[in-house]
Amino acid sequence: MSAPTIESHFAARQQQISLPVRLYALVDGLLHAEVAGGSPERSAACVALFDGTPDASLADAGPWLIDHESAPASVRAALAAQATGPSGVSWIISAYSRGALLDHLRANLNVKLPDGRLALLRFYDARLMPAIAAMMEPMQRIEFFVIAFDWLVEINGKLMEARPRA
């Protein structure tokens, strides 16, 4: 039996969830550019999370949220290629509006370290996301993942849940 694809997983979840949901890809811009040959063209479907922030000059290299259904075929093909490689893709199934999802993700980009300094939380790097989720306290996990019915990562073509269940 072959491994489930994100498309088959999403179709099954749409049948189980009574709300309208969308499938989003969350990618590291640098890793995506290596596979795609450049950054996606900005549109309603492809949004750089650093746009409109103090880190806007780094937007192409930072996190991107991509609405899978609305993205151009070339972007969907690049996501499929990235998901079958070592850099991977994070997949989010959410009923939240795109704007609310963007706000939530942007609000979680920085974390305060014990010494008071701020650090970038690279949850948009699929290779790191399972380890980040595993280090979260239960309440942190609830607050972070509230926007998602499912948060999966696909690396080397293997689809897996990113967050441990309580």
Protein backbone atom coordinates (compact mmCIF):
# COMPACT_ATOMS: atom_id res chain seq x y z
CA MET A 1 0.00 0.00 0.00
CA SER A 2 1.39 3.39 -0.95
CA ALA A 3 1.81 6.25 1.51
CA PRO A 4 -1.07 8.76 1.66
CA THR A 5 -0.63 11.96 -0.29
CA ILE A 6 -1.46 15.35 1.13
CA GLU A 7 -4.27 15.61 -1.41
CA SER A 8 -5.86 12.30 -0.32
CA HIS A 9 -5.41 13.21 3.36
CA PHE A 10 -7.02 16.60 2.76
CA ALA A 11 -9.94 15.08 0.83
CA ALA A 12 -10.58 12.63 3.68
CA ARG A 13 -10.43 15.41 6.28
CA GLN A 14 -12.86 17.55 4.27
CA GLN A 15 -15.38 14.70 4.61
CA GLN A 16 -14.86 14.53 8.39
CA ILE A 17 -14.90 18.25 9.22
CA SER A 18 -18.25 20.04 9.09
CA LEU A 19 -16.69 23.45 8.43
CA PRO A 20 -15.21 24.59 5.12
CA VAL A 21 -11.45 24.08 5.36
CA ARG A 22 -8.51 24.99 3.18
CA LEU A 23 -5.12 23.42 2.65
CA TYR A 24 -2.11 25.68 3.10
CA ALA A 25 1.58 25.05 2.61
CA LEU A 26 4.04 26.76 4.93
CA VAL A 27 7.59 26.85 3.62
CA ASP A 28 10.96 28.39 4.30
CA GLY A 29 11.53 30.81 1.43
CA LEU A 30 15.20 29.94 0.91
CA LEU A 31 14.51 26.21 0.81
CA HIS A 32 11.55 26.71 -1.52
CA ALA A 33 13.62 28.91 -3.84
CA GLU A 34 16.23 26.14 -4.17
CA VAL A 35 13.56 23.76 -5.49
CA ALA A 36 11.46 26.27 -7.44
CA GLY A 37 14.27 28.38 -8.84
CA GLY A 38 13.03 31.48 -7.00
CA SER A 39 10.37 32.83 -4.70
CA PRO A 40 6.69 32.56 -5.56
CA GLU A 41 5.11 35.63 -7.07
CA ARG A 42 3.27 37.53 -4.36
CA SER A 43 -0.50 37.21 -4.64
CA ALA A 44 -3.51 36.49 -2.46
CA ALA A 45 -2.47 32.82 -2.65
CA CYS A 46 1.26 33.30 -1.93
CA VAL A 47 2.11 35.54 1.03
CA ALA A 48 5.51 36.18 2.59
CA LEU A 49 5.00 36.39 6.36
CA PHE A 50 7.75 39.00 6.76
CA ASP A 51 6.00 41.45 4.38
CA GLY A 52 4.79 44.44 6.36
CA THR A 53 7.04 43.67 9.33
CA PRO A 54 10.40 45.13 10.42
CA ASP A 55 12.00 42.12 8.67
CA ALA A 56 10.40 42.93 5.29
CA SER A 57 13.81 43.17 3.60
CA LEU A 58 14.24 39.43 4.33
CA ALA A 59 10.74 38.46 3.19
CA ASP A 60 11.75 36.33 0.20
CA ALA A 61 14.05 34.23 2.40
CA GLY A 62 11.59 33.94 5.29
CA PRO A 63 8.36 32.00 5.76
CA TRP A 64 5.69 31.83 3.06
CA LEU A 65 2.07 30.78 3.46
CA ILE A 66 0.61 29.37 0.25
CA ASP A 67 -3.06 28.59 -0.34
CA HIS A 68 -2.67 25.29 -2.18
CA GLU A 69 -5.91 25.42 -4.17
CA SER A 70 -5.46 29.02 -5.31
CA ALA A 71 -1.73 28.85 -6.04
CA PRO A 72 -0.55 28.70 -9.65
CA ALA A 73 0.17 25.22 -11.03
CA SER A 74 3.91 26.01 -11.10
CA VAL A 75 3.90 26.76 -7.35
CA ARG A 76 1.90 23.59 -6.59
CA ALA A 77 4.41 21.58 -8.65
CA ALA A 78 7.32 23.15 -6.75
CA LEU A 79 5.61 22.33 -3.43
CA ALA A 80 5.16 18.72 -4.53
CA ALA A 81 8.84 18.53 -5.47
CA GLN A 82 9.91 20.14 -2.19
CA ALA A 83 7.71 17.73 -0.19
CA THR A 84 9.44 14.73 -1.78
CA GLY A 85 12.87 16.12 -0.91
CA PRO A 86 14.85 16.59 2.29
CA SER A 87 13.70 20.19 2.98
CA GLY A 88 10.03 19.22 3.10
CA VAL A 89 6.82 21.22 3.43
CA SER A 90 4.53 21.93 6.37
CA TRP A 91 0.85 21.45 5.54
CA ILE A 92 -1.90 23.18 7.51
CA ILE A 93 -5.57 22.28 7.24
CA SER A 94 -7.54 25.16 8.69
CA ALA A 95 -11.00 26.71 8.79
CA TYR A 96 -9.52 30.08 9.78
CA SER A 97 -9.59 32.89 7.24
CA ARG A 98 -6.30 33.51 5.46
CA GLY A 99 -5.95 36.84 7.28
CA ALA A 100 -6.51 35.30 10.72
CA LEU A 101 -4.09 32.49 9.90
CA LEU A 102 -1.44 34.99 8.78
CA ASP A 103 -1.95 37.09 11.92
CA HIS A 104 -1.57 34.02 14.15
CA LEU A 105 1.56 32.79 12.38
CA ARG A 106 3.15 36.25 12.40
CA ALA A 107 2.38 36.64 16.11
CA ASN A 108 4.33 33.44 16.81
CA LEU A 109 7.46 34.19 14.78
CA ASN A 110 9.42 35.48 17.77
CA VAL A 111 9.88 33.88 21.17
CA LYS A 112 11.33 35.40 24.31
CA LEU A 113 14.38 33.56 25.63
CA PRO A 114 14.94 33.11 29.38
CA ASP A 115 17.50 35.94 29.32
CA GLY A 116 14.95 38.32 27.76
CA ARG A 117 16.30 38.33 24.22
CA LEU A 118 14.00 37.63 21.26
CA ALA A 119 14.69 34.75 18.89
CA LEU A 120 13.09 33.71 15.62
CA LEU A 121 11.06 30.51 16.01
CA ARG A 122 11.61 28.63 12.75
CA PHE A 123 8.34 26.69 12.87
CA TYR A 124 8.05 27.25 9.13
CA ASP A 125 10.98 24.90 8.50
CA ALA A 126 9.35 21.48 8.12
CA ARG A 127 12.57 19.76 9.22
CA LEU A 128 12.40 21.52 12.62
CA MET A 129 8.66 21.65 13.28
CA PRO A 130 8.18 18.20 14.91
CA ALA A 131 11.03 18.89 17.34
CA ILE A 132 9.69 22.38 18.12
CA ALA A 133 6.22 20.97 18.79
CA ALA A 134 7.63 18.23 21.02
CA MET A 135 9.41 20.83 23.19
CA MET A 136 6.23 22.86 23.78
CA GLU A 137 4.36 22.59 27.03
CA PRO A 138 0.77 21.30 26.61
CA MET A 139 -0.75 24.79 26.93
CA GLN A 140 1.76 26.22 24.45
CA ARG A 141 0.79 23.49 21.97
CA ILE A 142 -2.91 24.29 22.38
CA GLU A 143 -2.31 28.02 21.85
CA PHE A 144 0.04 27.52 18.91
CA PHE A 145 -1.97 24.89 17.02
CA VAL A 146 -5.43 26.34 17.67
CA ILE A 147 -5.59 27.53 14.05
CA ALA A 148 -5.19 24.05 12.58
CA PHE A 149 -7.30 20.94 12.38
CA ASP A 150 -4.13 19.26 11.13
CA TRP A 151 -0.52 20.43 10.96
CA LEU A 152 1.51 17.91 9.03
CA VAL A 153 5.00 17.83 7.63
CA GLU A 154 6.01 16.01 4.50
CA ILE A 155 9.70 15.26 4.13
CA ASN A 156 11.17 12.87 1.55
CA GLY A 157 7.60 12.06 0.55
CA LYS A 158 6.64 10.86 4.04
CA LEU A 159 3.60 12.60 5.50
CA MET A 160 3.45 12.80 9.30
CA GLU A 161 1.68 14.72 12.05
CA ALA A 162 3.83 17.60 13.30
CA ARG A 163 2.34 17.93 16.74
CA PRO A 164 2.32 15.28 19.41
CA ARG A 165 -1.13 14.54 20.82
CA ALA A 166 -1.73 15.23 24.49
